[in-house]
């Protein structure tokens, strides 16, 4: 058995015996020694094992502190996000007690590390997906959205389930507002596939709602659901169709046809940006509407929806445009 393995085993025994403080302090001292020697592998093994054992023992504060220390080691050692490094961090993230305050800091610093040393400027999609899923399970919709919108191919499914569950506690007429919280941001991050997947999954759940009239309309190229009582949802469905076809004239017709309903939303800046991104329709230069819109949404405003929303603190700047996502 190596020296590292003996150290890990000894500290695990202390944790098993309930000597949490002593184990935590010794793990920090040992990891600091290896860090000063630039022995990143040894420091990583010590911190990962210790953090995992403490978190599993319900010691969120001590375990979280070692998680943050581990990220510091990854940054100093310029460790890249790969199956091994991400696997360790995601295992630790899943082990956090639900209400441990350190978890949000760990998530944010993990995203920052993956952005700095990985290939995705907005942070690694897999990390975003796991973080967003955990927030969704905690019924924390704003933080869940912030990460799921930059996640993996599985993220639209999680986001659709979240938005629908949020919607059904609101008025029936607000369905388009919740649909927009997935469709418009996905379009703004250049992820048309995710926008379509989200739309399909959200409306599939919506179609099962009693007393909501829906008509199936099929063309040679697509299938649409039409909701006579929800014109803005029809707008969103047709918007996706227009984006797929890249027809600026269709986009202009859509905005004109639904002008009265759109006045009741705060989607203007998002739609102007979509018009420029997908149809080449130049918009007035007044800052960065995508960033402003996403920023507002992530603070609980933006695209509307959620009459029962609780006030939340600002989570910082909006996420940058995703690169390399589906």
Protein backbone atom coordinates (compact mmCIF):
# COMPACT_ATOMS: atom_id res chain seq x y z
CA UNK A 1 0.00 0.00 0.00
CA UNK A 2 1.38 3.42 -1.00
CA UNK A 3 1.91 6.32 1.38
CA UNK A 4 -1.03 8.16 -0.17
CA UNK A 5 -3.32 5.16 0.23
CA UNK A 6 -2.30 4.78 3.89
CA UNK A 7 -3.01 8.46 4.52
CA UNK A 8 -6.43 8.21 2.87
CA UNK A 9 -7.30 5.08 4.81
CA UNK A 10 -6.25 6.68 8.11
CA UNK A 11 -8.37 9.79 7.53
CA UNK A 12 -11.35 7.74 6.38
CA UNK A 13 -11.15 5.86 9.65
CA UNK A 14 -11.20 9.12 11.61
CA UNK A 15 -14.26 10.27 9.68
CA UNK A 16 -15.98 6.94 10.27
CA UNK A 17 -15.34 7.42 14.01
CA UNK A 18 -16.86 10.90 13.92
CA UNK A 19 -13.59 12.82 14.27
CA UNK A 20 -14.64 15.21 11.53
CA UNK A 21 -12.79 18.34 12.60
CA UNK A 22 -9.49 16.56 13.16
CA UNK A 23 -9.73 14.71 9.84
CA UNK A 24 -10.62 17.90 7.99
CA UNK A 25 -7.68 19.81 9.41
CA UNK A 26 -5.19 17.02 8.77
CA UNK A 27 -6.40 16.57 5.20
CA UNK A 28 -5.88 20.29 4.57
CA UNK A 29 -2.36 20.20 5.99
CA UNK A 30 -1.37 17.12 3.99
CA UNK A 31 -2.89 18.45 0.75
CA UNK A 32 -1.18 21.82 1.26
CA UNK A 33 2.17 20.05 1.56
CA UNK A 34 1.67 18.21 -1.73
CA UNK A 35 0.42 21.39 -3.39
CA UNK A 36 3.58 23.27 -2.41
CA UNK A 37 5.56 20.40 -3.99
CA UNK A 38 3.42 20.74 -7.16
CA UNK A 39 2.44 17.11 -6.66
CA UNK A 40 -1.00 17.67 -8.12
CA UNK A 41 -1.95 14.00 -8.37
CA UNK A 42 -1.26 13.32 -4.69
CA UNK A 43 -3.09 16.48 -3.58
CA UNK A 44 -6.02 15.52 -5.80
CA UNK A 45 -6.28 11.99 -4.39
CA UNK A 46 -6.14 13.25 -0.80
CA UNK A 47 -8.72 16.00 -1.31
CA UNK A 48 -11.14 14.00 -3.42
CA UNK A 49 -11.22 11.08 -1.01
CA UNK A 50 -11.48 13.33 2.04
CA UNK A 51 -14.17 15.55 0.58
CA UNK A 52 -16.22 12.56 -0.54
CA UNK A 53 -16.01 10.89 2.87
CA UNK A 54 -16.98 14.08 4.72
CA UNK A 55 -19.88 14.85 2.39
CA UNK A 56 -21.19 11.30 2.69
CA UNK A 57 -20.99 11.69 6.46
CA UNK A 58 -23.22 14.77 6.19
CA UNK A 59 -20.41 17.21 6.88
CA UNK A 60 -21.27 19.68 4.12
CA UNK A 61 -19.19 22.57 5.40
CA UNK A 62 -15.95 20.60 5.86
CA UNK A 63 -16.51 18.54 2.72
CA UNK A 64 -17.35 21.65 0.71
CA UNK A 65 -14.20 23.36 1.91
CA UNK A 66 -12.10 20.47 0.59
CA UNK A 67 -14.03 20.59 -2.70
CA UNK A 68 -13.08 24.26 -3.14
CA UNK A 69 -9.48 23.35 -2.23
CA UNK A 70 -9.54 20.63 -4.91
CA UNK A 71 -10.60 23.18 -7.52
CA UNK A 72 -7.74 25.41 -6.42
CA UNK A 73 -5.39 22.48 -7.06
CA UNK A 74 -6.93 21.94 -10.50
CA UNK A 75 -6.43 25.62 -11.33
CA UNK A 76 -2.84 25.74 -10.09
CA UNK A 77 -2.01 22.46 -11.81
CA UNK A 78 -3.80 23.63 -14.99
CA UNK A 79 -5.77 20.39 -15.03
CA UNK A 80 -8.03 20.13 -18.08
CA UNK A 81 -11.65 18.94 -17.94
CA UNK A 82 -11.55 15.27 -18.96
CA UNK A 83 -13.38 12.12 -17.92
CA UNK A 84 -11.27 11.76 -14.78
CA UNK A 85 -11.26 15.34 -13.49
CA UNK A 86 -14.91 16.00 -14.37
CA UNK A 87 -15.92 12.64 -12.95
CA UNK A 88 -14.40 13.52 -9.58
CA UNK A 89 -16.05 16.93 -9.45
CA UNK A 90 -19.47 15.64 -10.52
CA UNK A 91 -19.31 12.83 -7.97
CA UNK A 92 -18.61 15.39 -5.27
CA UNK A 93 -21.35 17.71 -6.53
CA UNK A 94 -23.92 14.95 -6.32
CA UNK A 95 -22.77 14.10 -2.76
CA UNK A 96 -23.48 17.58 -1.36
CA UNK A 97 -26.28 17.82 1.19
CA UNK A 98 -29.21 19.58 -0.44
CA UNK A 99 -29.13 22.77 1.65
CA UNK A 100 -25.34 23.16 1.99
CA UNK A 101 -24.52 26.81 1.11
CA UNK A 102 -21.05 25.89 -0.19
CA UNK A 103 -22.60 23.91 -3.05
CA UNK A 104 -23.44 26.99 -5.13
CA UNK A 105 -19.90 28.32 -4.76
CA UNK A 106 -18.54 24.93 -5.78
CA UNK A 107 -20.79 24.86 -8.86
CA UNK A 108 -19.81 28.36 -9.94
CA UNK A 109 -16.09 27.73 -9.47
CA UNK A 110 -16.32 24.37 -11.27
CA UNK A 111 -17.95 26.10 -14.25
CA UNK A 112 -15.26 28.81 -14.18
CA UNK A 113 -12.49 26.18 -14.11
CA UNK A 114 -14.02 24.26 -17.02
CA UNK A 115 -14.34 27.49 -18.99
CA UNK A 116 -10.72 28.43 -18.37
CA UNK A 117 -9.13 25.08 -19.20
CA UNK A 118 -11.76 23.43 -21.41
CA UNK A 119 -13.10 23.93 -24.91
CA UNK A 120 -16.40 25.62 -24.01
CA UNK A 121 -16.22 29.36 -23.24
CA UNK A 122 -19.51 29.20 -21.32
CA UNK A 123 -18.38 26.21 -19.27
CA UNK A 124 -18.61 22.47 -19.77
CA UNK A 125 -22.12 21.35 -20.87
CA UNK A 126 -22.05 18.20 -18.75
CA UNK A 127 -21.30 20.19 -15.61
CA UNK A 128 -24.06 22.65 -16.51
CA UNK A 129 -26.50 19.77 -16.99
CA UNK A 130 -25.75 18.11 -13.65
CA UNK A 131 -25.91 21.44 -11.83
CA UNK A 132 -29.16 22.39 -13.55
CA UNK A 133 -30.70 19.01 -12.79
CA UNK A 134 -29.83 19.33 -9.10
CA UNK A 135 -31.33 22.80 -8.95
CA UNK A 136 -34.45 21.53 -10.71
CA UNK A 137 -34.78 18.74 -8.14
CA UNK A 138 -34.51 21.40 -5.44
CA UNK A 139 -37.32 23.38 -7.12
CA UNK A 140 -34.93 26.25 -7.75
CA UNK A 141 -36.07 27.20 -11.27
CA UNK A 142 -33.94 30.26 -11.94
CA UNK A 143 -30.62 28.59 -11.19
CA UNK A 144 -31.82 25.45 -12.97
CA UNK A 145 -32.60 27.45 -16.12
CA UNK A 146 -29.25 29.23 -16.04
CA UNK A 147 -27.40 25.92 -16.30
CA UNK A 148 -29.78 23.76 -18.34
CA UNK A 149 -29.80 26.33 -21.15
CA UNK A 150 -26.07 25.68 -21.54
CA UNK A 151 -26.20 21.94 -20.94
CA UNK A 152 -26.25 18.74 -22.98
CA UNK A 153 -28.70 17.04 -25.32
CA UNK A 154 -30.54 15.79 -22.24
CA UNK A 155 -31.04 19.26 -20.78
CA UNK A 156 -34.11 20.31 -22.83
CA UNK A 157 -36.02 17.36 -21.38
CA UNK A 158 -35.17 18.33 -17.82
CA UNK A 159 -35.97 21.98 -18.53
CA UNK A 160 -39.32 21.16 -20.17
CA UNK A 161 -40.36 19.08 -17.17
CA UNK A 162 -39.34 21.88 -14.83
CA UNK A 163 -41.15 24.62 -16.75
CA UNK A 164 -44.31 22.55 -17.07
CA UNK A 165 -44.33 21.72 -13.35
CA UNK A 166 -43.87 25.45 -12.66
CA UNK A 167 -46.61 26.35 -15.12
CA UNK A 168 -49.35 24.13 -13.71
CA UNK A 169 -49.33 26.11 -10.46
CA UNK A 170 -50.10 29.24 -12.49
CA UNK A 171 -53.03 30.39 -14.61
CA UNK A 172 -53.77 28.20 -17.68
CA UNK A 173 -53.31 31.19 -19.99
CA UNK A 174 -49.67 31.63 -18.96
CA UNK A 175 -48.42 28.51 -20.79
CA UNK A 176 -46.71 30.54 -23.56
CA UNK A 177 -44.67 32.46 -20.98
CA UNK A 178 -43.20 29.24 -19.61
CA UNK A 179 -42.64 27.84 -23.09
CA UNK A 180 -40.77 31.01 -24.01
CA UNK A 181 -38.39 30.54 -21.07
CA UNK A 182 -36.91 27.59 -22.94
CA UNK A 183 -37.49 28.37 -26.61
CA UNK A 184 -36.21 31.96 -26.81
CA UNK A 185 -32.99 31.49 -24.79
CA UNK A 186 -32.11 28.32 -26.71
CA UNK A 187 -32.52 30.26 -29.94
CA UNK A 188 -30.40 33.10 -28.57
CA UNK A 189 -27.58 30.70 -27.76
CA UNK A 190 -27.73 29.30 -31.29
CA UNK A 191 -29.18 25.97 -30.21
CA UNK A 192 -32.13 25.40 -32.55
CA UNK A 193 -32.17 21.65 -31.95
CA UNK A 194 -32.59 22.16 -28.21
CA UNK A 195 -35.30 24.78 -28.79
CA UNK A 196 -37.29 22.33 -30.93
CA UNK A 197 -36.82 19.48 -28.47
CA UNK A 198 -37.93 21.65 -25.58
CA UNK A 199 -40.97 22.84 -27.54
CA UNK A 200 -42.01 19.28 -28.40
CA UNK A 201 -41.65 17.99 -24.85
CA UNK A 202 -43.37 20.98 -23.25
CA UNK A 203 -46.33 20.95 -25.63
CA UNK A 204 -46.66 17.17 -25.35
CA UNK A 205 -47.23 17.59 -21.62
CA UNK A 206 -49.50 20.55 -22.25
CA UNK A 207 -51.67 18.57 -24.67
CA UNK A 208 -52.59 16.22 -21.84
CA UNK A 209 -54.08 19.06 -19.81
CA UNK A 210 -57.88 18.76 -19.68
CA UNK A 211 -60.09 21.46 -21.17
CA UNK A 212 -57.29 22.89 -23.29
CA UNK A 213 -58.30 22.91 -26.92
CA UNK A 214 -55.60 21.77 -29.30
CA UNK A 215 -55.60 21.03 -33.02
CA UNK A 216 -52.99 18.98 -34.85
CA UNK A 217 -51.88 20.54 -38.14
CA UNK A 218 -49.60 18.54 -40.43
CA UNK A 219 -47.76 19.76 -43.49
CA UNK A 220 -45.38 18.00 -45.81
CA UNK A 221 -42.44 19.19 -43.71
CA UNK A 222 -43.66 19.46 -40.13
CA UNK A 223 -46.34 18.74 -37.55
CA UNK A 224 -47.72 21.60 -35.47
CA UNK A 225 -50.11 21.88 -32.57
CA UNK A 226 -52.42 24.89 -32.74
CA UNK A 227 -53.93 26.29 -29.55
CA UNK A 228 -56.90 28.55 -30.29
CA UNK A 229 -56.88 29.93 -26.74
CA UNK A 230 -53.09 30.47 -26.60
CA UNK A 231 -52.06 32.63 -29.56
CA UNK A 232 -48.58 33.35 -28.19
CA UNK A 233 -47.85 29.64 -28.04
CA UNK A 234 -48.85 29.41 -31.69
CA UNK A 235 -46.45 32.28 -32.35
CA UNK A 236 -43.59 30.37 -30.73
CA UNK A 237 -44.36 27.23 -32.73
CA UNK A 238 -44.41 29.20 -35.98
CA UNK A 239 -41.28 31.12 -34.97
CA UNK A 240 -39.35 27.85 -34.80
CA UNK A 241 -40.67 26.88 -38.20
CA UNK A 242 -39.58 30.24 -39.63
CA UNK A 243 -36.09 29.86 -38.12
CA UNK A 244 -35.75 26.40 -39.65
CA UNK A 245 -36.66 27.80 -43.06
CA UNK A 246 -34.68 31.00 -42.66
CA UNK A 247 -37.47 33.04 -44.24
CA UNK A 248 -37.28 36.69 -43.21
CA UNK A 249 -40.63 37.44 -44.85
CA UNK A 250 -42.35 34.77 -42.77
CA UNK A 251 -40.74 36.17 -39.63
CA UNK A 252 -41.97 39.67 -40.42
CA UNK A 253 -45.48 38.36 -41.13
CA UNK A 254 -45.48 36.49 -37.83
CA UNK A 255 -44.52 39.56 -35.83
CA UNK A 256 -47.12 41.64 -37.64
CA UNK A 257 -49.90 39.07 -37.21
CA UNK A 258 -49.26 38.65 -33.49
CA UNK A 259 -48.32 42.29 -32.82
CA UNK A 260 -51.20 42.89 -30.42
CA UNK A 261 -50.36 39.85 -28.30
CA UNK A 262 -46.62 40.52 -28.38
CA UNK A 263 -47.22 43.99 -26.92
CA UNK A 264 -48.28 42.23 -23.72
CA UNK A 265 -44.88 40.52 -23.39
CA UNK A 266 -41.34 41.75 -22.83
CA UNK A 267 -39.91 39.63 -25.65
CA UNK A 268 -39.07 42.58 -27.92
CA UNK A 269 -35.30 42.61 -27.44
CA UNK A 270 -35.05 38.84 -27.68
CA UNK A 271 -37.07 38.79 -30.91
CA UNK A 272 -35.01 41.63 -32.38
CA UNK A 273 -31.85 39.66 -31.69
CA UNK A 274 -33.39 36.51 -33.20
CA UNK A 275 -34.35 38.55 -36.26
CA UNK A 276 -30.75 39.58 -36.76
CA UNK A 277 -29.23 36.19 -35.92
CA UNK A 278 -31.44 34.07 -38.15
CA UNK A 279 -32.93 36.40 -40.75
CA UNK A 280 -30.34 39.14 -41.22
CA UNK A 281 -32.72 41.84 -40.04
CA UNK A 282 -30.49 44.54 -38.57
CA UNK A 283 -31.51 45.87 -35.18
CA UNK A 284 -30.67 49.13 -33.38
CA UNK A 285 -27.42 48.92 -31.42
CA UNK A 286 -28.33 49.43 -27.79
CA UNK A 287 -25.96 47.21 -25.85
CA UNK A 288 -26.35 43.45 -26.14
CA UNK A 289 -30.02 42.44 -26.01
CA UNK A 290 -29.21 38.74 -25.71
CA UNK A 291 -27.15 39.34 -22.61
CA UNK A 292 -29.73 41.76 -21.20
CA UNK A 293 -32.61 39.40 -21.83
CA UNK A 294 -30.85 36.38 -20.38
CA UNK A 295 -29.64 38.45 -17.47
CA UNK A 296 -33.17 39.59 -16.66
CA UNK A 297 -34.52 36.10 -17.02
CA UNK A 298 -31.90 34.61 -14.74
CA UNK A 299 -32.84 37.18 -12.13
CA UNK A 300 -36.41 36.00 -12.29
CA UNK A 301 -37.82 38.46 -14.81
CA UNK A 302 -37.23 38.45 -18.52
CA UNK A 303 -39.61 36.20 -20.37
CA UNK A 304 -42.44 36.24 -17.90
CA UNK A 305 -44.23 33.41 -16.22
CA UNK A 306 -44.59 32.50 -12.59
CA UNK A 307 -47.09 34.63 -10.73
CA UNK A 308 -46.05 32.83 -7.56
CA UNK A 309 -42.35 33.44 -8.05
CA UNK A 310 -40.29 34.21 -5.00
CA UNK A 311 -37.73 37.00 -5.11
CA UNK A 312 -34.22 35.77 -5.75
CA UNK A 313 -30.84 37.42 -5.58
CA UNK A 314 -29.00 38.34 -8.74
CA UNK A 315 -26.85 35.44 -9.88
CA UNK A 316 -24.41 37.69 -11.68
CA UNK A 317 -23.90 38.36 -15.36
CA UNK A 318 -25.80 36.35 -17.91
CA UNK A 319 -24.12 33.33 -19.34
CA UNK A 320 -22.09 33.96 -22.48
CA UNK A 321 -23.12 32.45 -25.76
CA UNK A 322 -22.56 28.71 -25.77
CA UNK A 323 -19.99 27.34 -28.12
CA UNK A 324 -20.08 23.85 -29.53
CA UNK A 325 -23.49 22.89 -28.16
CA UNK A 326 -26.04 20.97 -30.15
